[in-house]
N, C-alpha and C. Protein backbone atom coordinates (compact mmCIF):
# COMPACT_ATOMS: atom_id res chain seq x y z
N UNK A 1 26.44 1.01 54.10
CA UNK A 1 26.25 1.54 53.07
C UNK A 1 26.49 0.43 52.10
N UNK A 2 27.18 -0.70 52.42
CA UNK A 2 27.99 -1.82 50.78
C UNK A 2 26.97 -1.55 49.27
N UNK A 3 27.53 -2.07 49.07
CA UNK A 3 27.35 -1.85 46.84
C UNK A 3 26.66 -3.26 47.16
N UNK A 4 24.65 -3.47 46.98
CA UNK A 4 24.56 -4.07 46.43
C UNK A 4 24.02 -4.72 45.34
N UNK A 5 24.59 -5.30 44.53
CA UNK A 5 23.47 -5.48 43.04
C UNK A 5 21.95 -5.41 43.12
N UNK A 6 21.30 -4.53 42.65
CA UNK A 6 19.83 -4.82 42.62
C UNK A 6 18.74 -7.18 42.21
N UNK A 7 18.57 -7.40 43.09
CA UNK A 7 18.26 -9.05 42.41
C UNK A 7 16.92 -8.27 41.18
N UNK A 8 16.98 -9.62 40.52
CA UNK A 8 16.38 -9.81 38.67
C UNK A 8 15.28 -10.98 39.54
N UNK A 9 14.15 -10.91 39.45
CA UNK A 9 12.98 -11.88 39.77
C UNK A 9 12.87 -12.61 38.75
N UNK A 10 12.63 -13.87 38.79
CA UNK A 10 12.72 -14.86 37.22
C UNK A 10 11.30 -14.81 37.15
N UNK A 11 10.95 -14.82 35.43
CA UNK A 11 9.09 -14.92 35.85
C UNK A 11 8.95 -16.09 34.87
N UNK A 12 7.97 -16.31 35.92
CA UNK A 12 7.61 -18.20 35.39
C UNK A 12 6.44 -17.82 34.17
N UNK A 13 5.66 -19.07 33.72
CA UNK A 13 5.29 -18.90 32.66
C UNK A 13 3.83 -17.71 32.82
N UNK A 14 3.47 -17.96 34.22
CA UNK A 14 1.75 -16.97 34.34
C UNK A 14 2.05 -15.47 34.33
N UNK A 15 3.27 -15.65 34.78
CA UNK A 15 3.62 -13.89 34.52
C UNK A 15 4.08 -13.46 33.74
N UNK A 16 4.69 -13.96 33.04
CA UNK A 16 4.79 -13.62 31.92
C UNK A 16 3.76 -13.09 30.87
N UNK A 17 2.75 -14.45 30.71
CA UNK A 17 1.30 -14.81 30.32
C UNK A 17 1.15 -13.16 29.93
N UNK A 18 1.20 -12.99 31.63
CA UNK A 18 -0.19 -11.98 31.96
C UNK A 18 1.20 -9.86 31.47
N UNK A 19 1.75 -10.23 32.04
CA UNK A 19 2.55 -9.07 31.48
C UNK A 19 2.58 -8.73 29.11
N UNK A 20 2.71 -10.10 28.55
CA UNK A 20 2.72 -9.63 27.64
C UNK A 20 1.12 -9.73 27.39
N UNK A 21 0.20 -9.86 27.71
CA UNK A 21 -0.89 -9.71 27.41
C UNK A 21 -1.29 -8.55 27.52
N UNK A 22 -1.27 -7.90 28.58
CA UNK A 22 -0.93 -6.63 29.25
C UNK A 22 -0.26 -5.46 28.25
N UNK A 23 1.02 -5.77 27.88
CA UNK A 23 1.65 -4.74 27.25
C UNK A 23 1.16 -4.39 25.82
N UNK A 24 0.66 -6.28 25.11
CA UNK A 24 -0.32 -6.00 23.73
C UNK A 24 -1.90 -5.13 24.24
N UNK A 25 -2.21 -4.74 25.35
CA UNK A 25 -2.97 -4.19 25.50
C UNK A 25 -3.33 -2.89 25.86
N UNK A 26 -2.35 -2.83 26.16
CA UNK A 26 -1.78 -1.13 26.11
C UNK A 26 -1.71 -0.74 24.46
N UNK A 27 -0.57 -1.40 24.09
CA UNK A 27 -0.08 -1.46 22.45
C UNK A 27 -1.85 -0.82 21.43
N UNK A 28 -2.27 -1.67 21.98
CA UNK A 28 -3.67 -2.06 21.09
C UNK A 28 -5.02 -0.19 21.50
N UNK A 29 -4.78 -0.10 23.14
CA UNK A 29 -5.36 1.09 23.42
C UNK A 29 -4.86 2.43 22.58
N UNK A 30 -3.18 2.58 22.23
CA UNK A 30 -2.87 3.33 21.27
C UNK A 30 -3.13 3.56 20.64
N UNK A 31 -3.43 1.84 19.30
CA UNK A 31 -3.59 2.34 18.02
C UNK A 31 -4.76 3.04 17.77
N UNK A 32 -6.15 2.23 18.46
CA UNK A 32 -7.16 2.49 18.68
C UNK A 32 -7.07 3.99 19.21
N UNK A 33 -6.58 4.89 20.19
CA UNK A 33 -6.53 6.33 20.45
C UNK A 33 -5.68 6.97 19.14
N UNK A 34 -5.32 6.31 18.34
CA UNK A 34 -5.06 7.65 17.25
C UNK A 34 -6.12 7.10 15.88
N UNK A 35 -6.65 6.12 16.14
CA UNK A 35 -8.30 5.60 15.21
C UNK A 35 -9.18 6.72 15.32
N UNK A 36 -9.91 6.44 16.49
CA UNK A 36 -10.40 7.48 16.84
C UNK A 36 -10.59 8.76 16.87
N UNK A 37 -9.02 9.74 17.22
CA UNK A 37 -8.44 10.69 17.03
C UNK A 37 -7.91 11.48 15.20
N UNK A 38 -7.61 10.64 14.86
CA UNK A 38 -7.23 10.91 13.80
C UNK A 38 -7.87 11.70 12.41
N UNK A 39 -7.31 12.68 11.82
CA UNK A 39 -8.93 13.34 11.03
C UNK A 39 -8.15 13.13 9.82
N UNK A 40 -7.15 12.27 9.57
CA UNK A 40 -6.55 12.14 8.10
C UNK A 40 -7.19 10.73 7.60
N UNK A 41 -7.04 10.66 6.55
CA UNK A 41 -7.65 9.88 6.01
C UNK A 41 -6.92 8.04 5.35
N UNK A 42 -5.24 8.87 5.75
CA UNK A 42 -4.50 7.62 5.45
C UNK A 42 -4.42 6.97 6.96
N UNK A 43 -4.57 8.06 8.33
CA UNK A 43 -4.49 7.21 9.30
C UNK A 43 -5.93 6.04 9.81
N UNK A 44 -7.17 6.73 9.74
CA UNK A 44 -8.87 5.98 9.80
C UNK A 44 -8.68 4.61 8.44
N UNK A 45 -8.31 5.06 7.57
CA UNK A 45 -8.97 4.31 6.18
C UNK A 45 -7.91 3.19 5.54
N UNK A 46 -6.65 3.14 5.63
CA UNK A 46 -5.34 2.64 4.93
C UNK A 46 -4.94 2.34 6.94
N UNK A 47 -5.07 3.02 7.43
CA UNK A 47 -3.97 2.53 9.01
C UNK A 47 -3.02 2.74 9.04
N UNK A 48 -2.56 3.45 7.78
CA UNK A 48 -0.72 3.45 7.59
C UNK A 48 -0.21 4.36 8.95
N UNK A 49 0.00 3.48 10.43
CA UNK A 49 1.07 4.17 11.48
C UNK A 49 1.17 2.91 12.25
N UNK A 50 2.81 2.80 12.76
CA UNK A 50 2.42 2.01 13.64
C UNK A 50 2.96 2.43 15.41
N UNK A 51 2.46 1.83 16.04
CA UNK A 51 2.48 2.02 17.72
C UNK A 51 3.27 0.50 17.84
N UNK A 52 4.55 0.97 18.93
CA UNK A 52 4.92 0.06 19.98
C UNK A 52 5.45 0.15 21.14
N UNK A 53 5.95 -0.64 22.21
CA UNK A 53 6.60 -0.19 22.82
C UNK A 53 8.14 -0.64 22.64
N UNK A 54 9.44 -0.18 22.94
CA UNK A 54 10.69 -0.83 22.56
C UNK A 54 11.63 -0.47 24.29
N UNK A 55 12.67 -1.36 24.65
CA UNK A 55 13.21 -1.32 25.35
C UNK A 55 13.68 -0.17 26.11
N UNK A 56 14.36 0.20 26.82
CA UNK A 56 15.50 0.73 26.91
C UNK A 56 16.86 0.86 25.95
N UNK A 57 17.02 -0.17 25.58
CA UNK A 57 18.18 -0.57 24.57
C UNK A 57 17.77 -0.70 23.30
N UNK A 58 16.22 -0.12 22.82
CA UNK A 58 16.03 -0.39 21.46
C UNK A 58 15.71 -1.22 21.30
N UNK A 59 14.81 -2.35 21.52
CA UNK A 59 14.68 -3.43 21.11
C UNK A 59 12.84 -3.51 21.41
N UNK A 60 12.06 -3.93 20.26
CA UNK A 60 11.11 -3.99 19.95
C UNK A 60 10.51 -5.11 21.00
N UNK A 61 9.81 -4.49 21.86
CA UNK A 61 9.18 -4.98 23.55
C UNK A 61 7.39 -6.22 22.79
N UNK A 62 7.05 -5.34 22.29
CA UNK A 62 5.23 -5.53 21.42
C UNK A 62 5.53 -4.53 20.58
N UNK A 63 4.25 -4.85 19.55
CA UNK A 63 3.59 -3.65 18.78
C UNK A 63 2.59 -4.21 18.14
N UNK A 64 1.50 -3.39 17.46
CA UNK A 64 0.13 -3.48 17.00
C UNK A 64 0.04 -3.85 15.42
N UNK A 65 -1.13 -4.73 15.28
CA UNK A 65 -0.81 -4.93 13.85
C UNK A 65 -1.31 -3.40 12.56
N UNK A 66 -0.35 -3.40 11.92
CA UNK A 66 -0.71 -2.24 11.65
C UNK A 66 0.62 -1.89 10.52
N UNK A 67 0.52 -1.03 9.41
CA UNK A 67 1.83 -0.54 8.37
C UNK A 67 2.46 -0.33 9.03
N UNK A 68 3.89 -0.86 9.27
CA UNK A 68 4.89 -0.16 9.80
C UNK A 68 5.89 0.58 9.02
N UNK A 69 6.54 1.34 9.39
CA UNK A 69 7.00 2.36 8.87
C UNK A 69 8.26 2.08 8.92
C-alpha cells in the first residue's frame, strides 16, 4: 500500500461550462425556494437575502442575484 496522490482531472471548456451552469442552477433553486416559502415581506418583496456556494477554503464559488449581506 503505497502513498499515491489523488489525480486531478483537468477541465476543458465544455466541462467547465456545464459545471458552472449546473452550480448556477442549484443556487437559483435555493433562491426560488426562499422566495416561495418565505413569509416575510423583506424576503418576498425586497429580496433581502443571499444564496451562494462556497468552497472548503471559504472562497465564493457561485452566487445568485440578490442583495448580498
